[in-house]
């Protein structure tokens, strides 16, 4: 009988899946009882979801606190209840007519340590209940701001109404909140139109296995392929985002 491997298995989470959907597939595919994940991704998002297999589950906190790298699409013209494209529109405003230079000046206050208010539909707890559960029940929530760090915020393209950004940030940062706040900062309205996580610490999308590859082959073959992808613990808990990935975006801003 093949032993269940222990280590970190990076998965490229598909659009529309929850993080727990991926965990459930991995448990069945690997025949492993102990599988967790190293950082939730919303169903709207795709990209790197590190799975912790076997004894690696005890180190989940180390991946949760690793820096994250995202490619984000901020869509201007409307704000939504969830701060992303899946929510109902709550406010509309003209799309800003800004140059690249003006955008750089707008982004400057969002770099470094910032105070950020989480979305009302967030997993943070308020008086013992998840904020999203209270918001769904009709409560008007005013969540307290908390300090997060955006280490890098760079423009990939500006094709109105969409602003594409590269974001390197600390744990606890909501890219949905960043999109909302950018809209307000330019006197407009905005929401998160798309999100792909490119890296968690040193793990990148190049390391990741697709869900289809994991579940679409016979059990023994899945285990063999996973053995090639399940990575040693010592190498996977480095905190820096992958340097090669970031180098393609030019000088740090």
Protein backbone atom coordinates (compact mmCIF):
# COMPACT_ATOMS: atom_id res chain seq x y z
CA UNK A 1 0.00 0.00 0.00
CA UNK A 2 1.33 3.44 -0.96
CA UNK A 3 2.01 5.65 2.01
CA UNK A 4 0.20 8.96 2.14
CA UNK A 5 2.78 11.69 1.48
CA UNK A 6 3.49 14.50 3.92
CA UNK A 7 4.21 18.02 2.76
CA UNK A 8 2.80 20.94 0.80
CA UNK A 9 0.84 20.37 -2.41
CA UNK A 10 0.16 23.62 -4.33
CA UNK A 11 -3.08 23.54 -6.33
CA UNK A 12 -4.24 26.01 -8.99
CA UNK A 13 -7.74 26.64 -7.64
CA UNK A 14 -10.40 26.91 -10.36
CA UNK A 15 -12.90 29.74 -10.69
CA UNK A 16 -16.08 29.17 -8.70
CA UNK A 17 -14.59 26.63 -6.28
CA UNK A 18 -14.25 27.22 -2.56
CA UNK A 19 -11.00 26.37 -0.82
CA UNK A 20 -12.80 23.58 1.04
CA UNK A 21 -14.03 22.12 -2.27
CA UNK A 22 -10.38 21.65 -3.25
CA UNK A 23 -9.51 20.12 0.13
CA UNK A 24 -12.34 17.59 -0.27
CA UNK A 25 -11.10 16.52 -3.72
CA UNK A 26 -7.54 16.16 -2.45
CA UNK A 27 -8.61 13.98 0.46
CA UNK A 28 -10.29 11.56 -1.91
CA UNK A 29 -7.56 11.68 -4.54
CA UNK A 30 -4.72 11.09 -2.10
CA UNK A 31 -6.58 8.81 0.27
CA UNK A 32 -5.48 11.16 3.02
CA UNK A 33 -7.50 12.04 6.11
CA UNK A 34 -5.35 15.00 7.08
CA UNK A 35 -5.50 17.70 4.43
CA UNK A 36 -5.79 21.43 5.13
CA UNK A 37 -5.06 24.62 3.22
CA UNK A 38 -2.66 27.50 3.73
CA UNK A 39 -4.84 30.52 3.00
CA UNK A 40 -8.44 30.85 1.83
CA UNK A 41 -9.27 31.97 -1.70
CA UNK A 42 -12.76 33.28 -2.49
CA UNK A 43 -14.74 31.43 -5.19
CA UNK A 44 -14.21 34.45 -7.47
CA UNK A 45 -10.43 33.99 -7.29
CA UNK A 46 -8.16 31.49 -9.00
CA UNK A 47 -4.54 30.57 -8.43
CA UNK A 48 -2.22 29.17 -5.81
CA UNK A 49 -3.90 27.34 -2.95
CA UNK A 50 -1.29 25.48 -0.87
CA UNK A 51 -2.65 22.24 0.55
CA UNK A 52 -1.00 20.82 3.65
CA UNK A 53 -0.96 17.03 3.61
CA UNK A 54 -0.41 14.66 6.53
CA UNK A 55 1.93 15.94 9.24
CA UNK A 56 2.35 19.26 7.40
CA UNK A 57 -1.08 20.38 8.64
CA UNK A 58 0.48 21.34 11.97
CA UNK A 59 2.44 24.08 10.16
CA UNK A 60 -0.59 25.80 8.58
CA UNK A 61 0.02 29.07 10.43
CA UNK A 62 3.38 29.50 8.72
CA UNK A 63 1.78 29.53 5.28
CA UNK A 64 -1.16 31.66 6.41
CA UNK A 65 1.30 34.41 7.39
CA UNK A 66 3.44 34.25 4.23
CA UNK A 67 3.26 37.22 1.82
CA UNK A 68 0.82 36.84 -1.09
CA UNK A 69 1.16 37.98 -4.70
CA UNK A 70 -1.97 38.77 -6.73
CA UNK A 71 -2.91 39.88 -10.22
CA UNK A 72 -6.06 41.92 -9.72
CA UNK A 73 -8.60 43.53 -12.03
CA UNK A 74 -10.27 46.60 -10.52
CA UNK A 75 -13.43 47.58 -12.41
CA UNK A 76 -14.54 51.21 -12.13
CA UNK A 77 -18.02 52.64 -12.46
CA UNK A 78 -19.85 50.76 -9.71
CA UNK A 79 -19.48 49.68 -6.09
CA UNK A 80 -21.13 46.47 -4.87
CA UNK A 81 -22.38 45.04 -1.58
CA UNK A 82 -19.59 42.45 -1.56
CA UNK A 83 -16.92 44.72 -3.08
CA UNK A 84 -16.54 42.26 -5.98
CA UNK A 85 -18.40 41.49 -9.19
CA UNK A 86 -20.66 38.93 -7.52
CA UNK A 87 -22.48 41.46 -5.33
CA UNK A 88 -25.44 43.67 -6.11
CA UNK A 89 -24.64 47.22 -7.21
CA UNK A 90 -24.93 49.73 -4.37
CA UNK A 91 -23.52 52.84 -6.04
CA UNK A 92 -22.53 54.03 -9.50
CA UNK A 93 -20.18 56.81 -10.58
CA UNK A 94 -18.37 57.93 -13.74
CA UNK A 95 -15.24 56.03 -14.73
CA UNK A 96 -12.21 58.22 -13.99
CA UNK A 97 -10.23 59.68 -16.88
CA UNK A 98 -6.71 59.40 -15.50
CA UNK A 99 -3.27 59.15 -17.05
CA UNK A 100 -0.70 56.56 -16.00
CA UNK A 101 1.14 59.26 -14.03
CA UNK A 102 -2.04 60.22 -12.20
CA UNK A 103 -2.68 56.60 -11.33
CA UNK A 104 0.80 56.26 -9.86
CA UNK A 105 0.14 59.23 -7.57
CA UNK A 106 -3.21 57.72 -6.58
CA UNK A 107 -1.62 54.39 -5.70
CA UNK A 108 1.16 55.89 -3.55
CA UNK A 109 -0.89 56.22 -0.31
CA UNK A 110 -1.90 52.56 -0.61
CA UNK A 111 1.69 51.31 -0.42
CA UNK A 112 3.26 50.28 2.86
CA UNK A 113 1.34 49.86 6.15
CA UNK A 114 -2.25 51.07 5.70
CA UNK A 115 -5.49 51.02 7.67
CA UNK A 116 -8.01 48.89 5.79
CA UNK A 117 -11.68 48.19 6.54
CA UNK A 118 -12.60 44.59 5.62
CA UNK A 119 -15.61 44.01 3.33
CA UNK A 120 -18.95 43.53 5.07
CA UNK A 121 -19.07 40.07 3.45
CA UNK A 122 -15.86 38.81 5.05
CA UNK A 123 -14.93 35.80 7.15
CA UNK A 124 -13.78 37.89 10.14
CA UNK A 125 -15.83 37.38 13.28
CA UNK A 126 -18.01 40.08 14.84
CA UNK A 127 -19.28 39.20 18.33
CA UNK A 128 -18.66 35.52 17.64
CA UNK A 129 -20.34 35.38 14.21
CA UNK A 130 -18.81 35.62 10.76
CA UNK A 131 -19.31 39.06 9.23
CA UNK A 132 -20.72 37.57 6.03
CA UNK A 133 -23.39 35.69 7.99
CA UNK A 134 -24.49 38.87 9.71
CA UNK A 135 -24.43 40.81 6.43
CA UNK A 136 -26.56 38.15 4.72
CA UNK A 137 -29.12 38.45 7.48
CA UNK A 138 -29.51 42.14 6.68
CA UNK A 139 -27.36 43.72 9.38
CA UNK A 140 -25.59 46.97 8.51
CA UNK A 141 -22.04 46.31 9.63
CA UNK A 142 -19.27 48.79 10.28
CA UNK A 143 -16.17 46.66 10.67
CA UNK A 144 -13.17 48.25 12.39
CA UNK A 145 -10.13 49.11 10.30
CA UNK A 146 -7.00 47.07 10.80
CA UNK A 147 -3.41 47.54 9.73
CA UNK A 148 -2.17 45.55 6.74
CA UNK A 149 0.92 46.01 4.57
CA UNK A 150 0.96 46.34 0.81
CA UNK A 151 4.59 45.79 -0.06
CA UNK A 152 4.16 46.41 -3.76
CA UNK A 153 1.41 47.91 -5.90
CA UNK A 154 2.18 48.21 -9.61
CA UNK A 155 0.07 48.96 -12.68
CA UNK A 156 -0.04 46.32 -15.39
CA UNK A 157 -2.53 48.14 -17.63
CA UNK A 158 -5.27 50.77 -17.64
CA UNK A 159 -8.01 50.05 -20.17
CA UNK A 160 -11.12 51.81 -18.84
CA UNK A 161 -13.08 50.69 -16.96
CA UNK A 162 -10.46 48.10 -15.93
CA UNK A 163 -7.24 48.73 -14.00
CA UNK A 164 -4.95 45.69 -13.78
CA UNK A 165 -2.60 45.61 -10.81
CA UNK A 166 0.13 43.47 -9.30
CA UNK A 167 -0.23 43.38 -5.51
CA UNK A 168 2.25 41.97 -3.00
CA UNK A 169 0.73 42.11 0.46
CA UNK A 170 0.67 40.78 3.97
CA UNK A 171 -1.74 38.26 5.37
CA UNK A 172 -5.13 39.74 6.19
CA UNK A 173 -5.18 42.10 3.21
CA UNK A 174 -8.47 42.21 1.31
CA UNK A 175 -8.00 42.96 -2.38
CA UNK A 176 -11.75 43.60 -2.53
CA UNK A 177 -11.31 46.41 -0.02
CA UNK A 178 -8.37 47.77 -2.00
CA UNK A 179 -10.55 47.92 -5.13
CA UNK A 180 -13.36 49.67 -3.25
CA UNK A 181 -11.01 52.20 -1.69
CA UNK A 182 -9.26 52.98 -4.98
CA UNK A 183 -12.62 53.85 -6.49
CA UNK A 184 -13.39 56.22 -3.67
CA UNK A 185 -9.91 57.75 -3.78
CA UNK A 186 -10.48 59.01 -7.34
CA UNK A 187 -14.05 60.18 -6.72
CA UNK A 188 -15.54 57.21 -8.51
CA UNK A 189 -16.78 53.76 -7.53
CA UNK A 190 -15.05 50.42 -8.06
CA UNK A 191 -15.18 46.73 -7.27
CA UNK A 192 -12.94 43.72 -7.76
CA UNK A 193 -13.61 42.30 -11.20
CA UNK A 194 -11.15 39.41 -11.09
CA UNK A 195 -8.35 37.99 -8.97
CA UNK A 196 -5.59 35.46 -9.49
CA UNK A 197 -3.14 34.53 -6.74
CA UNK A 198 0.27 34.13 -8.31
CA UNK A 199 2.29 33.20 -5.24
CA UNK A 200 2.16 32.36 -1.55
CA UNK A 201 5.61 32.91 -0.09
CA UNK A 202 7.97 31.01 -2.38
CA UNK A 203 5.19 28.93 -3.98
CA UNK A 204 4.10 30.13 -7.44
CA UNK A 205 1.53 29.09 -10.01
CA UNK A 206 4.34 27.27 -11.82
CA UNK A 207 4.49 24.85 -8.87
CA UNK A 208 0.75 24.23 -8.86
CA UNK A 209 -1.16 21.14 -9.95
CA UNK A 210 -4.61 21.51 -11.49
CA UNK A 211 -7.63 19.93 -9.82
CA UNK A 212 -8.36 18.09 -13.08
CA UNK A 213 -4.90 16.50 -13.06
CA UNK A 214 -5.32 15.47 -9.45
CA UNK A 215 -8.72 13.82 -9.75
CA UNK A 216 -8.84 12.79 -13.41
CA UNK A 217 -6.45 9.81 -13.36
CA UNK A 218 -6.44 6.43 -11.58
CA UNK A 219 -5.71 6.54 -7.87
CA UNK A 220 -2.17 5.10 -8.06
CA UNK A 221 -1.20 7.54 -10.81
CA UNK A 222 -2.56 10.44 -8.77
CA UNK A 223 -0.38 9.43 -5.87
CA UNK A 224 2.70 9.19 -8.09
CA UNK A 225 2.06 12.61 -9.63
CA UNK A 226 1.37 14.14 -6.24
CA UNK A 227 4.62 12.66 -4.92
CA UNK A 228 6.43 14.75 -7.52
CA UNK A 229 4.53 17.89 -6.52
CA UNK A 230 4.33 17.52 -2.74
CA UNK A 231 7.24 19.62 -1.66
CA UNK A 232 9.62 19.34 1.31
CA UNK A 233 8.56 21.39 4.30
CA UNK A 234 11.90 23.12 4.76
CA UNK A 235 11.79 24.68 1.27
CA UNK A 236 8.13 25.65 1.27
CA UNK A 237 7.96 27.89 4.31
CA UNK A 238 10.30 30.59 3.06
CA UNK A 239 8.48 33.88 3.39
CA UNK A 240 9.68 35.84 0.36
CA UNK A 241 7.48 35.94 -2.76
CA UNK A 242 9.18 34.32 -5.73
CA UNK A 243 11.80 36.75 -7.05
CA UNK A 244 11.67 35.53 -10.64
CA UNK A 245 7.93 36.16 -10.87
CA UNK A 246 8.24 39.71 -9.53
CA UNK A 247 11.24 40.54 -11.73
CA UNK A 248 9.02 40.35 -14.80
CA UNK A 249 7.12 43.37 -13.48
CA UNK A 250 10.19 45.60 -13.44
CA UNK A 251 11.32 47.92 -10.66
CA UNK A 252 9.57 47.63 -7.30
CA UNK A 253 7.19 50.52 -6.59
